[in-house]
C-alpha atoms as a PDB file:
ATOM      1  CA  UNK A   1      -3.138  -7.183   2.631  1.00  0.00           C
ATOM      2  CA  UNK A   2      -7.068  -8.370   3.016  1.00  0.00           C
ATOM      3  CA  UNK A   3      -7.649 -10.851  -0.540  1.00  0.00           C
ATOM      4  CA  UNK A   4     -11.148 -11.826  -1.317  1.00  0.00           C
ATOM      5  CA  UNK A   5     -13.341 -13.648  -3.650  1.00  0.00           C
ATOM      6  CA  UNK A   6     -15.841 -11.818  -5.892  1.00  0.00           C
ATOM      7  CA  UNK A   7     -18.267 -12.900  -8.285  1.00  0.00           C
ATOM      8  CA  UNK A   8     -19.490 -10.577 -11.189  1.00  0.00           C
ATOM      9  CA  UNK A   9     -21.985  -8.300  -9.645  1.00  0.00           C
ATOM     10  CA  UNK A  10     -21.074  -8.283  -5.955  1.00  0.00           C
ATOM     11  CA  UNK A  11     -19.944  -5.930  -3.856  1.00  0.00           C
ATOM     12  CA  UNK A  12     -17.628  -4.762  -1.302  1.00  0.00           C
ATOM     13  CA  UNK A  13     -17.942  -2.129   0.849  1.00  0.00           C
ATOM     14  CA  UNK A  14     -14.800  -0.160   2.124  1.00  0.00           C
ATOM     15  CA  UNK A  15     -15.791   1.994   5.257  1.00  0.00           C
ATOM     16  CA  UNK A  16     -19.355   3.787   4.898  1.00  0.00           C
ATOM     17  CA  UNK A  17     -19.306   5.591   2.055  1.00  0.00           C
ATOM     18  CA  UNK A  18     -17.001   3.367  -0.889  1.00  0.00           C
ATOM     19  CA  UNK A  19     -18.588   0.656  -2.600  1.00  0.00           C
ATOM     20  CA  UNK A  20     -16.706  -1.585  -5.145  1.00  0.00           C
ATOM     21  CA  UNK A  21     -18.693  -3.553  -7.537  1.00  0.00           C
ATOM     22  CA  UNK A  22     -17.621  -6.512  -9.912  1.00  0.00           C
ATOM     23  CA  UNK A  23     -18.683  -5.507 -13.461  1.00  0.00           C
ATOM     24  CA  UNK A  24     -16.873  -8.126 -15.292  1.00  0.00           C
ATOM     25  CA  UNK A  25     -14.489 -10.467 -15.693  1.00  0.00           C
ATOM     26  CA  UNK A  26     -12.762 -11.349 -19.186  1.00  0.00           C
ATOM     27  CA  UNK A  27      -9.581 -13.128 -19.930  1.00  0.00           C
ATOM     28  CA  UNK A  28      -7.611 -12.083 -16.670  1.00  0.00           C
ATOM     29  CA  UNK A  29      -9.136  -8.525 -16.988  1.00  0.00           C
ATOM     30  CA  UNK A  30     -11.185  -7.474 -14.030  1.00  0.00           C
ATOM     31  CA  UNK A  31     -13.622  -4.572 -14.639  1.00  0.00           C
ATOM     32  CA  UNK A  32     -14.294  -2.634 -11.170  1.00  0.00           C
ATOM     33  CA  UNK A  33     -17.079  -0.008 -10.538  1.00  0.00           C
ATOM     34  CA  UNK A  34     -16.066   2.205  -7.789  1.00  0.00           C
ATOM     35  CA  UNK A  35     -19.172   4.608  -6.092  1.00  0.00           C
ATOM     36  CA  UNK A  36     -17.097   7.122  -3.476  1.00  0.00           C
ATOM     37  CA  UNK A  37     -18.097  10.381  -2.263  1.00  0.00           C
ATOM     38  CA  UNK A  38     -17.058  13.062  -5.476  1.00  0.00           C
ATOM     39  CA  UNK A  39     -14.385  14.796  -3.502  1.00  0.00           C
ATOM     40  CA  UNK A  40     -12.132  11.634  -3.015  1.00  0.00           C
ATOM     41  CA  UNK A  41      -9.629  11.138  -5.649  1.00  0.00           C
ATOM     42  CA  UNK A  42      -9.310   7.558  -7.081  1.00  0.00           C
ATOM     43  CA  UNK A  43      -6.496   6.984  -9.418  1.00  0.00           C
ATOM     44  CA  UNK A  44      -5.235   3.854 -11.034  1.00  0.00           C
ATOM     45  CA  UNK A  45      -1.552   3.142  -9.412  1.00  0.00           C
ATOM     46  CA  UNK A  46       0.224   4.093 -12.787  1.00  0.00           C
ATOM     47  CA  UNK A  47      -1.481   7.655 -12.460  1.00  0.00           C
ATOM     48  CA  UNK A  48      -0.902   8.177  -8.898  1.00  0.00           C
ATOM     49  CA  UNK A  49       2.927   7.288  -9.579  1.00  0.00           C
ATOM     50  CA  UNK A  50       3.556   9.260 -12.313  1.00  0.00           C
ATOM     51  CA  UNK A  51       1.564  12.144 -10.557  1.00  0.00           C
ATOM     52  CA  UNK A  52       3.852  11.879  -7.703  1.00  0.00           C
ATOM     53  CA  UNK A  53       6.834  11.663  -9.409  1.00  0.00           C
ATOM     54  CA  UNK A  54       5.873  15.084 -11.176  1.00  0.00           C
ATOM     55  CA  UNK A  55       5.184  16.600  -7.957  1.00  0.00           C
ATOM     56  CA  UNK A  56       8.658  15.539  -6.863  1.00  0.00           C
ATOM     57  CA  UNK A  57       9.935  17.162 -10.327  1.00  0.00           C
ATOM     58  CA  UNK A  58       8.067  20.131  -9.861  1.00  0.00           C
ATOM     59  CA  UNK A  59       8.984  20.720  -6.499  1.00  0.00           C
ATOM     60  CA  UNK A  60      13.223  21.323  -7.924  1.00  0.00           C
ATOM     61  CA  UNK A  61      11.254  23.158 -11.003  1.00  0.00           C
ATOM     62  CA  UNK A  62      13.257  26.381 -12.232  1.00  0.00           C
ATOM     63  CA  UNK A  63      10.585  29.306 -14.009  1.00  0.00           C
ATOM     64  CA  UNK A  64      12.270  28.284 -16.961  1.00  0.00           C
ATOM     65  CA  UNK A  65      10.392  24.619 -17.326  1.00  0.00           C
ATOM     66  CA  UNK A  66       7.109  25.131 -15.569  1.00  0.00           C
ATOM     67  CA  UNK A  67       5.666  25.093 -18.885  1.00  0.00           C
ATOM     68  CA  UNK A  68       6.260  21.316 -18.705  1.00  0.00           C
ATOM     69  CA  UNK A  69       4.191  20.843 -15.634  1.00  0.00           C
ATOM     70  CA  UNK A  70       1.526  23.043 -16.934  1.00  0.00           C
ATOM     71  CA  UNK A  71       1.670  20.389 -19.870  1.00  0.00           C
ATOM     72  CA  UNK A  72       1.363  17.538 -18.434  1.00  0.00           C
ATOM     73  CA  UNK A  73      -1.535  19.327 -15.953  1.00  0.00           C
ATOM     74  CA  UNK A  74      -3.198  19.768 -19.412  1.00  0.00           C
ATOM     75  CA  UNK A  75      -2.684  16.455 -20.409  1.00  0.00           C
ATOM     76  CA  UNK A  76      -4.432  14.931 -17.107  1.00  0.00           C
ATOM     77  CA  UNK A  77      -7.147  17.363 -16.907  1.00  0.00           C
ATOM     78  CA  UNK A  78      -8.085  15.930 -20.623  1.00  0.00           C
ATOM     79  CA  UNK A  79      -7.902  12.307 -19.715  1.00  0.00           C
ATOM     80  CA  UNK A  80     -10.241  13.549 -16.887  1.00  0.00           C
ATOM     81  CA  UNK A  81      -8.020  13.020 -14.075  1.00  0.00           C
ATOM     82  CA  UNK A  82      -8.292  15.907 -11.530  1.00  0.00           C
ATOM     83  CA  UNK A  83      -5.869  17.936  -9.746  1.00  0.00           C
END
């Protein structure tokens, strides 16, 4: 793991097309701005883990409970998370 110290307004480049900017720091919270190609999915870790868990569960789904997967996908879309 690479560990860096940055100040507000400073940036980190990842490869040629991803830029992470430190937007603000407040009471232990860091706000990040991420510029990346639109086709790249960027998720918070807890959302990524929820999607992975749901994917595993849906692989074992029966037609009777597919509606639950559809419901979760709809909720994620409402939060602006692409499938």
